[in-house]
């Protein structure tokens, strides 16, 4: 699905509430559902949750896939259109 940044943020709040710790994204490579809480606990940047699997930050958890890599989201993610018109690949939101 393709969203503007405002639409994407609105959908995140609708599904998960106002706190990034409650957001959940699905890694397109390993299928793991990653949570905002895990990323906060690992000391990762909040923006990482939508583009990286937790394995990039926590050994033995998930994999090290990133949406900004060569193969993006393997066709399993979303596109967020930024205010400057650039399109950013992100992991799909978990079903809430």
C-alpha atoms as a PDB file:
ATOM      1  CA  UNK A   1       0.000   0.000   0.000  1.00  0.00           C
ATOM      2  CA  UNK A   2       1.143   3.553  -0.588  1.00  0.00           C
ATOM      3  CA  UNK A   3       0.577   6.302   1.975  1.00  0.00           C
ATOM      4  CA  UNK A   4       1.513   9.930   2.369  1.00  0.00           C
ATOM      5  CA  UNK A   5       3.473  10.433   5.572  1.00  0.00           C
ATOM      6  CA  UNK A   6       0.370  11.919   7.235  1.00  0.00           C
ATOM      7  CA  UNK A   7      -1.848   9.003   6.177  1.00  0.00           C
ATOM      8  CA  UNK A   8       0.749   6.503   7.391  1.00  0.00           C
ATOM      9  CA  UNK A   9       1.104   8.175  10.785  1.00  0.00           C
ATOM     10  CA  UNK A  10      -2.677   8.363  11.146  1.00  0.00           C
ATOM     11  CA  UNK A  11      -3.003   4.647  10.348  1.00  0.00           C
ATOM     12  CA  UNK A  12      -0.276   3.781  12.877  1.00  0.00           C
ATOM     13  CA  UNK A  13      -2.129   5.703  15.590  1.00  0.00           C
ATOM     14  CA  UNK A  14      -5.439   4.096  14.609  1.00  0.00           C
ATOM     15  CA  UNK A  15      -3.986   0.570  14.824  1.00  0.00           C
ATOM     16  CA  UNK A  16      -1.623   0.872  17.747  1.00  0.00           C
ATOM     17  CA  UNK A  17      -2.368   4.073  19.652  1.00  0.00           C
ATOM     18  CA  UNK A  18      -0.184   7.128  20.228  1.00  0.00           C
ATOM     19  CA  UNK A  19       2.965   5.426  21.547  1.00  0.00           C
ATOM     20  CA  UNK A  20       5.732   4.182  19.251  1.00  0.00           C
ATOM     21  CA  UNK A  21       6.512   1.464  21.794  1.00  0.00           C
ATOM     22  CA  UNK A  22       3.191  -0.153  20.813  1.00  0.00           C
ATOM     23  CA  UNK A  23       3.812  -0.091  17.041  1.00  0.00           C
ATOM     24  CA  UNK A  24       4.387  -3.448  15.329  1.00  0.00           C
ATOM     25  CA  UNK A  25       5.914  -4.136  11.926  1.00  0.00           C
ATOM     26  CA  UNK A  26       6.489  -7.418  10.107  1.00  0.00           C
ATOM     27  CA  UNK A  27       9.938  -8.206   8.718  1.00  0.00           C
ATOM     28  CA  UNK A  28       9.498  -9.190   5.060  1.00  0.00           C
ATOM     29  CA  UNK A  29      12.451 -11.586   5.189  1.00  0.00           C
ATOM     30  CA  UNK A  30      11.955 -13.643   8.359  1.00  0.00           C
ATOM     31  CA  UNK A  31       8.314 -12.813   9.143  1.00  0.00           C
ATOM     32  CA  UNK A  32       9.051 -11.769  12.715  1.00  0.00           C
ATOM     33  CA  UNK A  33       6.747  -9.161  14.237  1.00  0.00           C
ATOM     34  CA  UNK A  34       8.983  -6.461  15.694  1.00  0.00           C
ATOM     35  CA  UNK A  35       7.700  -4.081  18.356  1.00  0.00           C
ATOM     36  CA  UNK A  36       8.585  -0.521  19.183  1.00  0.00           C
ATOM     37  CA  UNK A  37       9.325  -1.562  22.762  1.00  0.00           C
ATOM     38  CA  UNK A  38      12.061  -3.956  21.563  1.00  0.00           C
ATOM     39  CA  UNK A  39      13.695  -1.194  19.531  1.00  0.00           C
ATOM     40  CA  UNK A  40      13.558   1.257  22.446  1.00  0.00           C
ATOM     41  CA  UNK A  41      15.013  -1.366  24.793  1.00  0.00           C
ATOM     42  CA  UNK A  42      17.806  -2.097  22.288  1.00  0.00           C
ATOM     43  CA  UNK A  43      18.731   1.596  22.070  1.00  0.00           C
ATOM     44  CA  UNK A  44      17.811   1.828  18.382  1.00  0.00           C
ATOM     45  CA  UNK A  45      16.416   5.002  16.848  1.00  0.00           C
ATOM     46  CA  UNK A  46      12.607   5.101  16.763  1.00  0.00           C
ATOM     47  CA  UNK A  47      12.620   5.383  12.956  1.00  0.00           C
ATOM     48  CA  UNK A  48      14.446   2.044  12.694  1.00  0.00           C
ATOM     49  CA  UNK A  49      11.371   0.005  13.631  1.00  0.00           C
ATOM     50  CA  UNK A  50       9.689   0.612  10.260  1.00  0.00           C
ATOM     51  CA  UNK A  51      12.744  -0.249   8.189  1.00  0.00           C
ATOM     52  CA  UNK A  52      14.845  -2.806  10.091  1.00  0.00           C
ATOM     53  CA  UNK A  53      14.427  -6.195  11.675  1.00  0.00           C
ATOM     54  CA  UNK A  54      15.402  -6.295  15.353  1.00  0.00           C
ATOM     55  CA  UNK A  55      18.263  -8.666  14.528  1.00  0.00           C
ATOM     56  CA  UNK A  56      20.285  -5.659  13.331  1.00  0.00           C
ATOM     57  CA  UNK A  57      20.370  -4.533  16.971  1.00  0.00           C
ATOM     58  CA  UNK A  58      19.831  -7.657  19.083  1.00  0.00           C
ATOM     59  CA  UNK A  59      21.842 -10.812  18.311  1.00  0.00           C
ATOM     60  CA  UNK A  60      19.841 -14.043  18.017  1.00  0.00           C
ATOM     61  CA  UNK A  61      16.557 -12.162  17.491  1.00  0.00           C
ATOM     62  CA  UNK A  62      15.035 -12.077  14.012  1.00  0.00           C
ATOM     63  CA  UNK A  63      17.363 -11.319  11.114  1.00  0.00           C
ATOM     64  CA  UNK A  64      19.308  -8.281   9.967  1.00  0.00           C
ATOM     65  CA  UNK A  65      17.066  -7.285   7.035  1.00  0.00           C
ATOM     66  CA  UNK A  66      16.556  -3.600   6.175  1.00  0.00           C
ATOM     67  CA  UNK A  67      14.021  -2.016   3.834  1.00  0.00           C
ATOM     68  CA  UNK A  68      16.685   0.350   2.520  1.00  0.00           C
ATOM     69  CA  UNK A  69      18.840  -2.544   1.296  1.00  0.00           C
ATOM     70  CA  UNK A  70      19.204  -3.805  -2.266  1.00  0.00           C
ATOM     71  CA  UNK A  71      15.988  -5.856  -2.283  1.00  0.00           C
ATOM     72  CA  UNK A  72      13.852  -3.473  -0.208  1.00  0.00           C
ATOM     73  CA  UNK A  73      10.822  -5.128   1.310  1.00  0.00           C
ATOM     74  CA  UNK A  74      10.696  -8.009  -1.170  1.00  0.00           C
ATOM     75  CA  UNK A  75       7.346  -6.654  -2.374  1.00  0.00           C
ATOM     76  CA  UNK A  76       5.814  -7.268   1.080  1.00  0.00           C
ATOM     77  CA  UNK A  77       5.998  -3.768   2.519  1.00  0.00           C
ATOM     78  CA  UNK A  78       4.487  -0.355   2.054  1.00  0.00           C
ATOM     79  CA  UNK A  79       5.592   2.903   0.479  1.00  0.00           C
ATOM     80  CA  UNK A  80       5.512   6.183   2.371  1.00  0.00           C
ATOM     81  CA  UNK A  81       5.655   9.355   0.287  1.00  0.00           C
ATOM     82  CA  UNK A  82       7.565  12.038   2.121  1.00  0.00           C
ATOM     83  CA  UNK A  83       6.721  15.781   1.901  1.00  0.00           C
ATOM     84  CA  UNK A  84       9.525  16.303  -0.628  1.00  0.00           C
ATOM     85  CA  UNK A  85       7.994  13.615  -2.877  1.00  0.00           C
ATOM     86  CA  UNK A  86      10.612  10.956  -2.132  1.00  0.00           C
ATOM     87  CA  UNK A  87       9.230   7.467  -1.673  1.00  0.00           C
ATOM     88  CA  UNK A  88      10.482   5.403   1.251  1.00  0.00           C
ATOM     89  CA  UNK A  89      10.008   1.645   1.560  1.00  0.00           C
ATOM     90  CA  UNK A  90       8.861   0.494   4.989  1.00  0.00           C
ATOM     91  CA  UNK A  91       7.903  -2.837   6.524  1.00  0.00           C
ATOM     92  CA  UNK A  92       4.185  -3.620   6.570  1.00  0.00           C
ATOM     93  CA  UNK A  93       2.304  -2.863   9.758  1.00  0.00           C
ATOM     94  CA  UNK A  94       1.222  -5.870  11.753  1.00  0.00           C
ATOM     95  CA  UNK A  95      -2.511  -6.549  11.650  1.00  0.00           C
ATOM     96  CA  UNK A  96      -4.140  -5.090  14.729  1.00  0.00           C
END
